[in-house]
N, C-alpha and C. Protein backbone atom coordinates (compact mmCIF):
# COMPACT_ATOMS: atom_id res chain seq x y z
N MET A 1 17.94 188.75 50.52
CA MET A 1 16.80 189.20 51.56
C MET A 1 16.01 188.11 52.05
N THR A 2 15.52 188.13 53.19
CA THR A 2 14.72 186.83 53.57
C THR A 2 13.41 186.85 52.66
N THR A 3 13.13 185.53 52.43
CA THR A 3 12.25 185.19 51.60
C THR A 3 10.89 184.77 52.26
N GLY A 4 9.78 185.12 51.74
CA GLY A 4 8.53 184.78 52.42
C GLY A 4 8.04 183.53 51.79
N HIS A 5 7.13 182.64 52.53
CA HIS A 5 6.73 181.46 52.24
C HIS A 5 5.47 181.32 52.80
N VAL A 6 4.20 180.81 51.97
CA VAL A 6 3.01 180.75 52.52
C VAL A 6 2.65 179.19 52.54
N PHE A 7 1.88 178.88 53.76
CA PHE A 7 1.24 177.54 53.89
C PHE A 7 -0.20 177.99 54.46
N ILE A 8 -1.11 177.69 53.68
CA ILE A 8 -2.34 178.14 54.24
C ILE A 8 -3.59 177.35 53.56
N ALA A 9 -4.55 177.32 54.24
CA ALA A 9 -5.87 176.61 53.71
C ALA A 9 -6.78 177.70 53.02
N ALA A 10 -7.45 177.26 52.08
CA ALA A 10 -8.61 178.11 51.52
C ALA A 10 -9.82 177.30 51.13
N SER A 11 -10.89 177.82 51.31
CA SER A 11 -12.01 177.26 50.74
C SER A 11 -12.04 177.13 49.27
N LEU A 12 -12.83 176.11 48.60
CA LEU A 12 -12.85 176.05 47.17
C LEU A 12 -13.07 177.41 46.57
N ASP A 13 -13.93 178.20 47.11
CA ASP A 13 -14.27 179.62 46.54
C ASP A 13 -13.17 180.67 46.89
N GLY A 14 -11.95 180.11 47.47
CA GLY A 14 -10.94 181.15 47.64
C GLY A 14 -10.81 181.89 48.91
N PHE A 15 -11.54 181.59 49.91
CA PHE A 15 -11.59 182.43 51.10
C PHE A 15 -10.60 181.66 52.15
N VAL A 16 -9.90 182.42 52.93
CA VAL A 16 -8.98 181.86 54.09
C VAL A 16 -9.65 182.01 55.40
N ALA A 17 -10.73 182.76 55.51
CA ALA A 17 -11.54 183.03 56.78
C ALA A 17 -12.86 183.69 56.47
N ARG A 18 -13.74 183.65 57.43
CA ARG A 18 -14.95 184.36 57.12
C ARG A 18 -14.55 185.92 57.46
N GLN A 19 -15.45 186.81 57.04
CA GLN A 19 -15.19 188.27 57.25
C GLN A 19 -14.78 188.52 58.63
N ASP A 20 -15.37 187.89 59.68
CA ASP A 20 -15.09 188.10 61.06
C ASP A 20 -13.81 187.37 61.51
N HIS A 21 -13.13 186.63 60.64
CA HIS A 21 -11.89 185.90 60.66
C HIS A 21 -12.04 184.55 61.40
N SER A 22 -13.32 184.13 61.45
CA SER A 22 -13.86 182.75 61.97
C SER A 22 -13.23 181.80 61.05
N LEU A 23 -13.04 180.54 61.61
CA LEU A 23 -12.31 179.58 60.91
C LEU A 23 -13.32 178.28 61.22
N ASP A 24 -14.45 178.51 61.57
CA ASP A 24 -15.52 177.36 61.82
C ASP A 24 -15.51 176.43 60.75
N TRP A 25 -15.56 176.96 59.49
CA TRP A 25 -15.65 175.93 58.19
C TRP A 25 -14.45 175.07 58.24
N LEU A 26 -13.29 175.67 58.60
CA LEU A 26 -11.97 174.71 58.46
C LEU A 26 -11.95 173.80 59.55
N SER A 27 -12.39 174.19 60.88
CA SER A 27 -12.30 173.27 62.01
C SER A 27 -13.33 172.18 61.95
N LYS A 28 -14.17 172.09 61.01
CA LYS A 28 -15.24 170.87 61.00
C LYS A 28 -14.84 170.04 60.07
N GLN A 29 -13.67 170.18 59.36
CA GLN A 29 -13.16 169.24 58.20
C GLN A 29 -12.43 168.15 59.03
N PRO A 30 -12.40 166.94 58.55
CA PRO A 30 -11.83 165.72 59.13
C PRO A 30 -10.31 165.88 59.37
N ALA A 31 -9.83 165.38 60.34
CA ALA A 31 -8.38 165.38 60.61
C ALA A 31 -7.73 163.97 60.27
N ALA A 32 -6.49 164.01 59.50
CA ALA A 32 -6.07 162.67 59.36
C ALA A 32 -5.06 162.41 60.47
N GLU A 33 -5.08 161.12 60.82
CA GLU A 33 -4.23 160.72 62.19
C GLU A 33 -2.74 160.98 61.96
N ASN A 34 -2.21 160.62 60.91
CA ASN A 34 -0.90 160.48 60.86
C ASN A 34 -0.38 161.42 59.66
N ASP A 35 -1.09 162.35 59.33
CA ASP A 35 -0.73 163.27 58.12
C ASP A 35 -1.08 164.69 58.47
N ASP A 36 -0.11 165.61 58.75
CA ASP A 36 -0.31 167.00 58.97
C ASP A 36 -0.27 167.79 57.66
N GLY A 37 -0.32 167.31 56.73
CA GLY A 37 -0.19 167.77 55.22
C GLY A 37 1.08 168.62 55.11
N GLY A 38 2.15 168.05 55.82
CA GLY A 38 3.60 168.54 55.46
C GLY A 38 3.75 169.98 56.38
N PHE A 39 2.78 170.27 57.48
CA PHE A 39 2.93 171.54 58.18
C PHE A 39 4.18 171.39 58.92
N ALA A 40 4.31 170.38 59.68
CA ALA A 40 5.50 170.34 60.58
C ALA A 40 6.98 170.49 59.82
N ALA A 41 6.97 169.80 58.75
CA ALA A 41 8.26 170.08 57.82
C ALA A 41 8.37 171.38 57.51
N PHE A 42 7.26 172.09 57.13
CA PHE A 42 7.26 173.61 56.59
C PHE A 42 7.86 174.39 57.88
N MET A 43 7.18 173.91 59.07
CA MET A 43 7.63 175.01 60.15
C MET A 43 8.93 174.81 60.44
N ASP A 44 9.48 173.57 60.27
CA ASP A 44 10.98 173.28 60.45
C ASP A 44 11.88 174.17 59.48
N SER A 45 11.34 174.48 58.25
CA SER A 45 12.01 175.16 57.42
C SER A 45 11.96 176.70 57.25
N VAL A 46 11.35 177.16 58.43
CA VAL A 46 11.12 178.72 58.46
C VAL A 46 11.86 179.28 59.79
N ASP A 47 12.24 180.48 59.70
CA ASP A 47 12.83 180.91 61.06
C ASP A 47 11.81 181.65 62.04
N GLY A 48 10.63 181.92 61.49
CA GLY A 48 9.72 182.60 62.19
C GLY A 48 8.49 182.86 61.36
N LEU A 49 7.43 183.41 62.01
CA LEU A 49 6.23 183.85 61.21
C LEU A 49 6.17 185.36 61.27
N VAL A 50 5.25 185.91 60.17
CA VAL A 50 4.84 187.21 60.13
C VAL A 50 3.41 187.03 59.78
N MET A 51 2.52 187.82 60.78
CA MET A 51 1.07 187.55 60.42
C MET A 51 0.60 189.10 60.73
N GLY A 52 -0.68 189.21 60.26
CA GLY A 52 -1.37 190.34 60.35
C GLY A 52 -2.34 190.37 61.71
N THR A 53 -2.93 191.46 61.99
CA THR A 53 -3.70 191.68 63.26
C THR A 53 -5.02 190.59 63.21
N GLY A 54 -5.53 190.47 62.24
CA GLY A 54 -6.73 189.35 62.32
C GLY A 54 -6.27 188.02 62.60
N SER A 55 -5.24 187.61 61.99
CA SER A 55 -4.59 186.31 62.25
C SER A 55 -4.12 186.08 63.71
N PHE A 56 -3.55 187.18 64.34
CA PHE A 56 -3.11 187.05 65.51
C PHE A 56 -4.36 187.01 66.59
N ARG A 57 -5.42 187.85 66.28
CA ARG A 57 -6.61 187.81 67.22
C ARG A 57 -7.24 186.47 67.16
N THR A 58 -7.28 185.90 66.02
CA THR A 58 -8.00 184.70 65.86
C THR A 58 -7.13 183.52 66.62
N LEU A 59 -5.87 183.53 66.61
CA LEU A 59 -4.97 182.51 67.28
C LEU A 59 -5.08 182.72 68.76
N LEU A 60 -5.38 183.97 69.14
CA LEU A 60 -5.45 184.18 70.64
C LEU A 60 -6.76 183.52 71.17
N GLU A 61 -7.80 183.27 70.33
CA GLU A 61 -9.04 182.87 70.76
C GLU A 61 -8.87 181.39 70.95
N PHE A 62 -7.82 180.77 70.36
CA PHE A 62 -7.77 179.34 70.45
C PHE A 62 -7.47 178.87 71.90
N GLY A 63 -6.98 179.89 72.72
CA GLY A 63 -6.58 179.58 74.06
C GLY A 63 -5.24 178.92 74.35
N HIS A 64 -4.49 178.44 73.32
CA HIS A 64 -3.10 178.02 73.56
C HIS A 64 -2.37 178.54 72.31
N TRP A 65 -1.09 178.68 72.47
CA TRP A 65 -0.10 179.33 71.53
C TRP A 65 0.44 178.22 70.81
N ALA A 66 0.34 178.10 69.49
CA ALA A 66 0.73 176.88 68.77
C ALA A 66 2.13 176.94 68.30
N TYR A 67 2.85 178.18 68.41
CA TYR A 67 4.10 178.50 67.85
C TYR A 67 5.37 178.59 68.86
N SER A 68 6.43 177.84 68.54
CA SER A 68 7.57 177.81 69.43
C SER A 68 8.63 179.02 68.79
N LYS A 69 8.32 179.28 67.54
CA LYS A 69 9.34 180.24 66.79
C LYS A 69 8.80 181.55 67.10
N PRO A 70 9.71 182.48 66.75
CA PRO A 70 9.24 184.10 66.93
C PRO A 70 8.15 184.36 65.89
N VAL A 71 7.31 185.38 66.52
CA VAL A 71 6.21 185.76 65.51
C VAL A 71 6.29 187.32 65.56
N VAL A 72 6.14 187.86 64.48
CA VAL A 72 6.08 189.29 64.22
C VAL A 72 4.61 189.55 63.64
N VAL A 73 3.93 190.46 64.45
CA VAL A 73 2.58 190.76 63.98
C VAL A 73 2.71 192.35 63.36
N LEU A 74 2.37 192.28 62.05
CA LEU A 74 2.47 193.58 61.42
C LEU A 74 0.88 194.22 61.73
N SER A 75 0.96 195.41 62.44
CA SER A 75 -0.20 195.96 62.87
C SER A 75 0.03 197.46 63.08
N ARG A 76 -1.11 198.21 62.68
CA ARG A 76 -1.07 199.62 63.03
C ARG A 76 -1.95 199.80 64.10
N SER A 77 -3.00 198.88 64.45
CA SER A 77 -3.72 199.13 65.63
C SER A 77 -3.70 198.42 66.91
N LEU A 78 -2.71 197.45 66.82
CA LEU A 78 -2.45 196.80 68.13
C LEU A 78 -1.54 197.53 68.84
N THR A 79 -1.30 197.45 70.34
CA THR A 79 -0.29 198.03 71.06
C THR A 79 0.23 196.87 72.02
N GLU A 80 1.55 197.20 72.59
CA GLU A 80 1.92 196.16 73.48
C GLU A 80 1.12 195.46 74.57
N GLN A 81 0.09 196.36 74.82
CA GLN A 81 -0.99 195.80 75.81
C GLN A 81 -1.73 194.76 75.27
N ASP A 82 -1.72 194.72 74.00
CA ASP A 82 -2.65 193.62 73.26
C ASP A 82 -1.89 192.25 73.30
N ILE A 83 -0.86 192.13 73.65
CA ILE A 83 -0.04 190.93 73.68
C ILE A 83 -0.15 190.34 74.97
N PRO A 84 -0.59 189.12 75.42
CA PRO A 84 -0.48 188.66 76.52
C PRO A 84 0.73 188.52 77.11
N GLU A 85 0.83 188.48 78.44
CA GLU A 85 1.99 188.56 79.17
C GLU A 85 2.79 187.23 78.89
N GLY A 86 2.22 186.03 78.72
CA GLY A 86 2.85 185.03 78.57
C GLY A 86 3.42 184.84 77.12
N LEU A 87 2.97 185.84 76.14
CA LEU A 87 3.68 185.85 74.89
C LEU A 87 4.68 186.82 74.56
N LYS A 88 4.83 187.72 75.64
CA LYS A 88 5.73 188.92 75.34
C LYS A 88 7.20 188.45 74.73
N ASP A 89 7.59 187.21 75.12
CA ASP A 89 8.88 186.96 74.88
C ASP A 89 8.94 186.08 73.33
N LYS A 90 7.82 185.87 72.82
CA LYS A 90 7.64 185.01 71.68
C LYS A 90 7.03 186.04 70.57
N VAL A 91 6.22 187.06 70.79
CA VAL A 91 5.54 187.75 69.67
C VAL A 91 6.00 189.30 69.95
N ARG A 92 6.20 189.89 68.81
CA ARG A 92 6.46 191.26 68.82
C ARG A 92 5.76 192.08 67.68
N LEU A 93 5.53 193.40 67.83
CA LEU A 93 4.59 194.14 67.08
C LEU A 93 5.48 194.94 66.06
N SER A 94 5.07 195.05 64.95
CA SER A 94 5.83 195.93 63.87
C SER A 94 4.91 196.81 63.01
N THR A 95 5.16 198.07 62.69
CA THR A 95 4.50 198.76 61.74
C THR A 95 5.26 198.99 60.51
N ALA A 96 6.21 198.28 60.26
CA ALA A 96 7.18 198.42 58.92
C ALA A 96 6.49 198.05 57.96
N GLU A 97 6.82 198.62 56.64
CA GLU A 97 6.37 198.19 55.45
C GLU A 97 6.89 196.82 55.38
N PRO A 98 6.10 195.79 54.42
CA PRO A 98 6.60 194.45 54.22
C PRO A 98 8.05 194.32 53.83
N ALA A 99 8.51 195.16 52.82
CA ALA A 99 9.97 195.11 52.38
C ALA A 99 11.15 195.36 53.31
N ASP A 100 10.67 196.51 54.25
CA ASP A 100 11.52 196.95 55.20
C ASP A 100 11.47 195.88 56.33
N LEU A 101 10.46 195.24 56.62
CA LEU A 101 10.36 194.12 57.60
C LEU A 101 11.33 193.17 57.25
N MET A 102 11.37 192.67 55.87
CA MET A 102 11.96 191.72 55.55
C MET A 102 13.49 191.88 55.59
N GLN A 103 13.88 193.13 55.25
CA GLN A 103 15.53 193.54 55.54
C GLN A 103 15.63 193.51 57.01
N GLU A 104 14.86 193.99 57.88
CA GLU A 104 15.08 193.82 59.32
C GLU A 104 15.26 192.40 59.89
N LEU A 105 14.60 191.30 59.13
CA LEU A 105 14.51 190.05 59.55
C LEU A 105 15.86 189.42 59.07
N GLN A 106 16.11 189.88 57.89
CA GLN A 106 17.45 189.44 57.32
C GLN A 106 18.60 189.86 58.17
N LYS A 107 18.79 191.04 58.72
CA LYS A 107 19.63 191.49 59.65
C LYS A 107 19.70 190.71 60.94
N GLU A 108 18.47 190.20 61.34
CA GLU A 108 18.51 189.32 62.54
C GLU A 108 18.71 187.85 62.25
N GLY A 109 19.19 187.44 60.98
CA GLY A 109 19.56 186.13 60.53
C GLY A 109 18.46 185.32 60.12
N TRP A 110 17.24 185.91 59.74
CA TRP A 110 16.28 185.10 59.33
C TRP A 110 16.64 184.80 57.80
N THR A 111 16.35 183.69 57.16
CA THR A 111 16.39 183.49 55.84
C THR A 111 15.13 183.17 55.18
N ARG A 112 14.12 182.38 55.92
CA ARG A 112 12.91 182.03 55.51
C ARG A 112 11.74 182.48 56.56
N ALA A 113 10.69 183.18 56.13
CA ALA A 113 9.57 183.62 56.93
C ALA A 113 8.40 183.20 56.58
N TYR A 114 7.60 182.61 57.38
CA TYR A 114 6.18 182.09 57.07
C TYR A 114 5.23 183.43 57.15
N ILE A 115 4.60 183.65 55.82
CA ILE A 115 3.72 184.81 55.89
C ILE A 115 2.35 184.17 55.99
N ASP A 116 1.56 184.64 57.02
CA ASP A 116 0.19 184.19 57.44
C ASP A 116 -0.81 185.13 57.41
N GLY A 117 -2.01 184.98 56.77
CA GLY A 117 -3.02 185.74 56.91
C GLY A 117 -3.52 186.20 55.61
N GLY A 118 -4.73 186.18 55.15
CA GLY A 118 -5.02 186.59 53.67
C GLY A 118 -4.69 187.87 53.32
N ARG A 119 -4.94 188.98 53.92
CA ARG A 119 -4.58 190.41 53.52
C ARG A 119 -2.95 190.55 53.49
N LEU A 120 -2.41 189.95 54.52
CA LEU A 120 -0.78 190.00 54.72
C LEU A 120 -0.20 189.28 53.44
N VAL A 121 -0.66 188.12 53.11
CA VAL A 121 -0.37 187.32 51.94
C VAL A 121 -0.35 188.21 50.55
N GLN A 122 -1.56 188.69 50.52
CA GLN A 122 -1.89 189.71 49.36
C GLN A 122 -0.66 190.83 49.23
N SER A 123 -0.64 191.51 50.32
CA SER A 123 0.41 192.61 50.37
C SER A 123 1.92 192.49 49.91
N PHE A 124 2.26 191.18 50.62
CA PHE A 124 3.65 190.54 50.36
C PHE A 124 3.73 190.11 48.76
N LEU A 125 2.59 189.44 48.41
CA LEU A 125 2.73 188.96 46.96
C LEU A 125 2.80 190.18 45.95
N ARG A 126 2.01 191.14 46.34
CA ARG A 126 2.18 192.49 45.44
C ARG A 126 3.57 193.15 45.33
N GLN A 127 4.33 193.02 46.56
CA GLN A 127 5.52 193.53 46.64
C GLN A 127 6.68 192.62 46.10
N GLY A 128 6.17 191.37 45.63
CA GLY A 128 7.19 190.37 45.12
C GLY A 128 8.16 189.78 46.32
N LEU A 129 7.66 189.57 47.39
CA LEU A 129 8.10 189.03 48.56
C LEU A 129 7.85 187.64 48.99
N ILE A 130 7.21 187.00 48.17
CA ILE A 130 6.80 185.55 48.33
C ILE A 130 7.56 184.71 47.37
N ALA A 131 8.24 183.71 47.83
CA ALA A 131 8.98 183.01 46.91
C ALA A 131 8.07 181.62 46.57
N ASP A 132 7.22 181.10 47.42
CA ASP A 132 6.34 179.93 47.13
C ASP A 132 5.14 179.84 48.05
N LEU A 133 4.08 179.30 47.36
CA LEU A 133 2.69 179.15 48.35
C LEU A 133 2.46 177.50 48.29
N THR A 134 2.01 177.36 49.29
CA THR A 134 1.49 175.86 49.53
C THR A 134 0.01 176.11 49.88
N ILE A 135 -0.97 175.75 49.12
CA ILE A 135 -2.27 175.98 49.22
C ILE A 135 -3.05 174.90 49.39
N THR A 136 -3.71 174.69 50.53
CA THR A 136 -4.61 173.42 50.73
C THR A 136 -5.98 173.88 50.53
N THR A 137 -6.62 173.28 49.52
CA THR A 137 -7.91 173.63 49.01
C THR A 137 -8.94 172.85 49.81
N VAL A 138 -9.71 173.30 50.50
CA VAL A 138 -10.92 172.61 51.46
C VAL A 138 -12.06 172.46 50.62
N PRO A 139 -12.68 171.27 50.46
CA PRO A 139 -13.76 171.18 49.75
C PRO A 139 -15.18 171.56 50.41
N ILE A 140 -15.14 172.95 50.34
CA ILE A 140 -16.38 173.46 50.91
C ILE A 140 -16.42 174.86 50.11
N LEU A 141 -17.64 175.40 49.96
CA LEU A 141 -17.94 176.84 49.53
C LEU A 141 -18.55 177.57 50.71
N ILE A 142 -18.09 178.69 50.98
CA ILE A 142 -18.49 179.54 52.34
C ILE A 142 -19.17 180.76 51.73
N GLY A 143 -18.99 181.05 50.58
CA GLY A 143 -19.60 182.12 49.80
C GLY A 143 -19.30 183.50 50.19
N GLY A 144 -18.26 183.69 51.13
CA GLY A 144 -17.70 185.18 51.31
C GLY A 144 -16.75 184.91 52.42
N GLY A 145 -16.13 186.26 52.51
CA GLY A 145 -15.05 186.22 53.57
C GLY A 145 -13.76 186.78 53.41
N ILE A 146 -12.68 186.63 53.83
CA ILE A 146 -11.37 187.11 53.54
C ILE A 146 -10.63 186.32 52.21
N PRO A 147 -10.68 186.96 51.16
CA PRO A 147 -10.09 186.18 49.91
C PRO A 147 -8.61 185.98 50.09
N LEU A 148 -8.12 184.90 49.58
CA LEU A 148 -6.55 184.49 49.58
C LEU A 148 -5.93 185.52 48.80
N PHE A 149 -6.61 185.90 47.65
CA PHE A 149 -5.96 186.58 46.50
C PHE A 149 -6.87 187.91 46.29
N GLY A 150 -6.24 189.02 46.13
CA GLY A 150 -7.02 190.34 45.73
C GLY A 150 -6.57 190.93 44.36
N SER A 151 -6.83 192.07 44.25
CA SER A 151 -6.41 192.69 42.98
C SER A 151 -5.02 193.02 42.94
N LEU A 152 -4.64 192.98 41.70
CA LEU A 152 -3.14 193.12 41.48
C LEU A 152 -2.96 194.24 40.40
N ASP A 153 -1.79 194.85 40.45
CA ASP A 153 -1.44 195.73 39.46
C ASP A 153 -0.82 195.09 38.13
N GLN A 154 -0.47 193.90 38.41
CA GLN A 154 0.18 193.21 37.09
C GLN A 154 0.06 191.65 37.64
N ASP A 155 0.26 190.93 36.60
CA ASP A 155 0.13 189.31 36.78
C ASP A 155 1.37 188.86 37.75
N ILE A 156 1.07 188.00 38.47
CA ILE A 156 2.02 187.24 39.07
C ILE A 156 2.18 185.89 38.53
N ASP A 157 3.19 185.45 37.80
CA ASP A 157 3.49 184.12 37.25
C ASP A 157 3.80 183.08 38.22
N LEU A 158 3.11 181.90 38.24
CA LEU A 158 3.42 180.82 39.07
C LEU A 158 3.73 179.59 38.44
N GLN A 159 4.52 178.67 38.97
CA GLN A 159 4.81 177.54 38.47
C GLN A 159 4.36 176.36 39.29
N VAL A 160 3.61 175.41 39.01
CA VAL A 160 3.15 174.40 39.88
C VAL A 160 4.37 173.36 40.33
N ALA A 161 4.68 173.33 41.58
CA ALA A 161 5.89 172.53 42.06
C ALA A 161 5.20 170.96 42.35
N SER A 162 4.08 171.03 42.86
CA SER A 162 3.42 169.57 43.19
C SER A 162 2.01 169.97 43.54
N SER A 163 1.28 168.90 43.40
CA SER A 163 -0.17 168.67 43.71
C SER A 163 -0.47 167.32 44.26
N ARG A 164 -1.33 167.20 45.35
CA ARG A 164 -1.64 165.95 45.86
C ARG A 164 -2.98 166.11 46.41
N ILE A 165 -3.66 164.89 46.68
CA ILE A 165 -4.89 164.71 47.60
C ILE A 165 -4.55 164.17 48.79
N LEU A 166 -4.86 165.00 49.85
CA LEU A 166 -4.49 164.51 51.07
C LEU A 166 -5.40 163.53 51.65
N PRO A 167 -5.07 162.68 52.64
CA PRO A 167 -6.08 161.67 53.15
C PRO A 167 -7.38 162.10 53.73
N THR A 168 -7.38 163.44 53.86
CA THR A 168 -8.84 164.18 54.41
C THR A 168 -9.63 164.34 53.09
N GLY A 169 -9.08 164.31 51.99
CA GLY A 169 -9.82 164.63 50.52
C GLY A 169 -9.52 166.07 50.38
N MET A 170 -8.77 166.68 50.92
CA MET A 170 -8.29 168.21 50.68
C MET A 170 -7.32 168.01 49.63
N VAL A 171 -7.07 169.11 48.58
CA VAL A 171 -6.16 169.03 47.76
C VAL A 171 -5.07 170.04 48.09
N GLN A 172 -3.90 169.67 47.99
CA GLN A 172 -2.76 170.53 48.46
C GLN A 172 -1.82 170.69 47.24
N SER A 173 -1.60 172.01 47.00
CA SER A 173 -0.77 172.35 45.79
C SER A 173 0.27 173.34 46.16
N LYS A 174 1.57 173.26 45.67
CA LYS A 174 2.68 174.03 45.91
C LYS A 174 3.02 174.78 44.68
N PHE A 175 3.13 176.13 44.87
CA PHE A 175 3.41 176.89 43.61
C PHE A 175 4.67 177.46 43.83
N ARG A 176 5.48 177.79 42.95
CA ARG A 176 6.65 178.74 43.00
C ARG A 176 6.31 179.99 42.35
N VAL A 177 6.65 181.23 42.79
CA VAL A 177 6.63 182.38 42.20
C VAL A 177 7.71 182.63 41.10
N VAL A 178 7.43 182.65 39.99
CA VAL A 178 8.55 182.79 38.91
C VAL A 178 8.78 184.30 38.48
């Protein structure tokens, strides 16, 4: 089956966005001139993205679409009319359950899917659909928001694959789900 892979930033207190999906705390962090934290290489390794409604709406607010790869938005609230005309050939909606979606993607030839969005990452993790997580910890406390991790029915064992301090002072760690 297609495997899920996470590449995400989180505040030191574990939030990926404010409750309103705002990323203002992330955008005020310094950018490294010649270091994207491995994001381009990560994007080269995946066949496309799966994201939730909140992530999709937040990306639309940026004014430009950052992805050339196909995007599936898992949503029960969005309709085709919510997808801008210029993205209709790049973005599609699905109401499938995560495991069913991964099977559909495998039939389409996907081997690796980028899973993006706090709540979506949680649901894919709970269903055993994440192979690894690259988490960039931003040295800021925001006090509340959308947590990267939520409640679990059972432990999810992880193995540290690597950890490094980025030129920006952020700490990036990669974990394998075992």
